[in-house]
C-alpha atoms as a PDB file:
ATOM      1  CA  UNK A   1     345.189 -58.384 166.163  1.00  0.00           C
ATOM      2  CA  UNK A   2     342.308 -61.039 166.784  1.00  0.00           C
ATOM      3  CA  UNK A   3     339.540 -60.046 169.178  1.00  0.00           C
ATOM      4  CA  UNK A   4     338.057 -63.496 169.579  1.00  0.00           C
ATOM      5  CA  UNK A   5     339.604 -66.965 169.079  1.00  0.00           C
ATOM      6  CA  UNK A   6     338.121 -69.071 166.659  1.00  0.00           C
ATOM      7  CA  UNK A   7     337.118 -71.661 169.412  1.00  0.00           C
ATOM      8  CA  UNK A   8     335.040 -69.151 171.102  1.00  0.00           C
ATOM      9  CA  UNK A   9     332.845 -68.287 168.064  1.00  0.00           C
ATOM     10  CA  UNK A  10     331.937 -71.955 167.920  1.00  0.00           C
ATOM     11  CA  UNK A  11     330.810 -71.965 171.430  1.00  0.00           C
ATOM     12  CA  UNK A  12     328.873 -68.783 170.728  1.00  0.00           C
ATOM     13  CA  UNK A  13     327.071 -70.591 167.811  1.00  0.00           C
ATOM     14  CA  UNK A  14     326.000 -73.664 170.127  1.00  0.00           C
ATOM     15  CA  UNK A  15     324.501 -71.179 172.548  1.00  0.00           C
ATOM     16  CA  UNK A  16     322.628 -69.430 169.887  1.00  0.00           C
ATOM     17  CA  UNK A  17     321.399 -72.549 168.404  1.00  0.00           C
ATOM     18  CA  UNK A  18     319.595 -73.415 171.942  1.00  0.00           C
ATOM     19  CA  UNK A  19     318.180 -69.864 172.251  1.00  0.00           C
ATOM     20  CA  UNK A  20     316.731 -70.286 168.844  1.00  0.00           C
ATOM     21  CA  UNK A  21     315.214 -73.699 169.610  1.00  0.00           C
ATOM     22  CA  UNK A  22     313.599 -72.193 172.762  1.00  0.00           C
ATOM     23  CA  UNK A  23     312.366 -69.282 170.830  1.00  0.00           C
ATOM     24  CA  UNK A  24     310.706 -71.688 168.263  1.00  0.00           C
ATOM     25  CA  UNK A  25     309.085 -73.760 171.128  1.00  0.00           C
ATOM     26  CA  UNK A  26     307.786 -70.597 172.738  1.00  0.00           C
ATOM     27  CA  UNK A  27     306.454 -69.179 169.745  1.00  0.00           C
ATOM     28  CA  UNK A  28     304.588 -72.407 168.764  1.00  0.00           C
ATOM     29  CA  UNK A  29     303.185 -72.572 172.445  1.00  0.00           C
ATOM     30  CA  UNK A  30     302.015 -68.816 172.168  1.00  0.00           C
ATOM     31  CA  UNK A  31     300.499 -69.483 168.735  1.00  0.00           C
ATOM     32  CA  UNK A  32     298.498 -72.392 170.053  1.00  0.00           C
ATOM     33  CA  UNK A  33     297.287 -70.472 173.049  1.00  0.00           C
ATOM     34  CA  UNK A  34     296.195 -67.688 170.740  1.00  0.00           C
ATOM     35  CA  UNK A  35     294.324 -69.924 168.668  1.00  0.00           C
ATOM     36  CA  UNK A  36     292.585 -71.364 171.692  1.00  0.00           C
ATOM     37  CA  UNK A  37     291.713 -67.764 172.991  1.00  0.00           C
ATOM     38  CA  UNK A  38     290.016 -66.995 169.658  1.00  0.00           C
ATOM     39  CA  UNK A  39     287.979 -70.342 169.861  1.00  0.00           C
ATOM     40  CA  UNK A  40     287.082 -69.285 173.362  1.00  0.00           C
ATOM     41  CA  UNK A  41     286.117 -66.022 172.577  1.00  0.00           C
ATOM     42  CA  UNK A  42     283.881 -67.083 169.693  1.00  0.00           C
ATOM     43  CA  UNK A  43     282.093 -69.524 171.856  1.00  0.00           C
ATOM     44  CA  UNK A  44     281.807 -66.764 174.564  1.00  0.00           C
ATOM     45  CA  UNK A  45     280.247 -64.465 171.855  1.00  0.00           C
ATOM     46  CA  UNK A  46     277.892 -66.996 170.607  1.00  0.00           C
ATOM     47  CA  UNK A  47     276.386 -67.626 174.041  1.00  0.00           C
ATOM     48  CA  UNK A  48     276.036 -64.005 174.710  1.00  0.00           C
ATOM     49  CA  UNK A  49     274.508 -63.426 171.388  1.00  0.00           C
ATOM     50  CA  UNK A  50     271.908 -66.147 172.409  1.00  0.00           C
ATOM     51  CA  UNK A  51     270.877 -64.280 175.715  1.00  0.00           C
ATOM     52  CA  UNK A  52     271.208 -60.949 174.152  1.00  0.00           C
ATOM     53  CA  UNK A  53     273.749 -59.781 176.610  1.00  0.00           C
ATOM     54  CA  UNK A  54     275.616 -56.958 175.092  1.00  0.00           C
ATOM     55  CA  UNK A  55     278.012 -56.463 177.905  1.00  0.00           C
ATOM     56  CA  UNK A  56     278.944 -60.371 177.176  1.00  0.00           C
ATOM     57  CA  UNK A  57     279.308 -59.831 173.445  1.00  0.00           C
ATOM     58  CA  UNK A  58     281.756 -56.935 174.281  1.00  0.00           C
ATOM     59  CA  UNK A  59     283.901 -58.941 176.505  1.00  0.00           C
ATOM     60  CA  UNK A  60     283.798 -61.833 173.986  1.00  0.00           C
ATOM     61  CA  UNK A  61     285.013 -59.426 171.121  1.00  0.00           C
ATOM     62  CA  UNK A  62     287.914 -58.211 173.570  1.00  0.00           C
ATOM     63  CA  UNK A  63     288.769 -61.926 173.996  1.00  0.00           C
ATOM     64  CA  UNK A  64     288.842 -62.718 170.436  1.00  0.00           C
ATOM     65  CA  UNK A  65     290.987 -59.536 169.632  1.00  0.00           C
ATOM     66  CA  UNK A  66     293.435 -60.421 172.489  1.00  0.00           C
ATOM     67  CA  UNK A  67     293.766 -64.093 170.875  1.00  0.00           C
ATOM     68  CA  UNK A  68     294.397 -62.466 167.421  1.00  0.00           C
ATOM     69  CA  UNK A  69     297.053 -60.142 168.879  1.00  0.00           C
ATOM     70  CA  UNK A  70     298.748 -62.936 170.388  1.00  0.00           C
ATOM     71  CA  UNK A  71     298.616 -65.085 167.014  1.00  0.00           C
ATOM     72  CA  UNK A  72     299.851 -61.973 165.049  1.00  0.00           C
ATOM     73  CA  UNK A  73     302.722 -61.511 167.501  1.00  0.00           C
ATOM     74  CA  UNK A  74     303.525 -65.282 166.893  1.00  0.00           C
ATOM     75  CA  UNK A  75     303.547 -64.825 163.380  1.00  0.00           C
ATOM     76  CA  UNK A  76     305.453 -61.743 163.308  1.00  0.00           C
ATOM     77  CA  UNK A  77     308.234 -63.264 165.419  1.00  0.00           C
ATOM     78  CA  UNK A  78     308.340 -66.271 163.161  1.00  0.00           C
ATOM     79  CA  UNK A  79     308.339 -64.071 159.923  1.00  0.00           C
ATOM     80  CA  UNK A  80     311.036 -61.988 160.816  1.00  0.00           C
ATOM     81  CA  UNK A  81     313.064 -64.474 162.714  1.00  0.00           C
ATOM     82  CA  UNK A  82     313.587 -62.182 165.717  1.00  0.00           C
END
């Protein structure tokens, strides 16, 4: 008793390749955005530190953490190949 013909398995493999390519592109874009957010947060922190603005410093730290989380999630997805 065969559940799936061999031809359908080849078609499924073709679809999986396209999904993996899309995942790779999206993780690369997310990693780049995460890096840019970290840089933006660093600049924002430096400007707030220069003006002695504590509220601005807190917001900048949150921005840096958000960029690090995005970069970390990208690394985890790439590492585990989800």
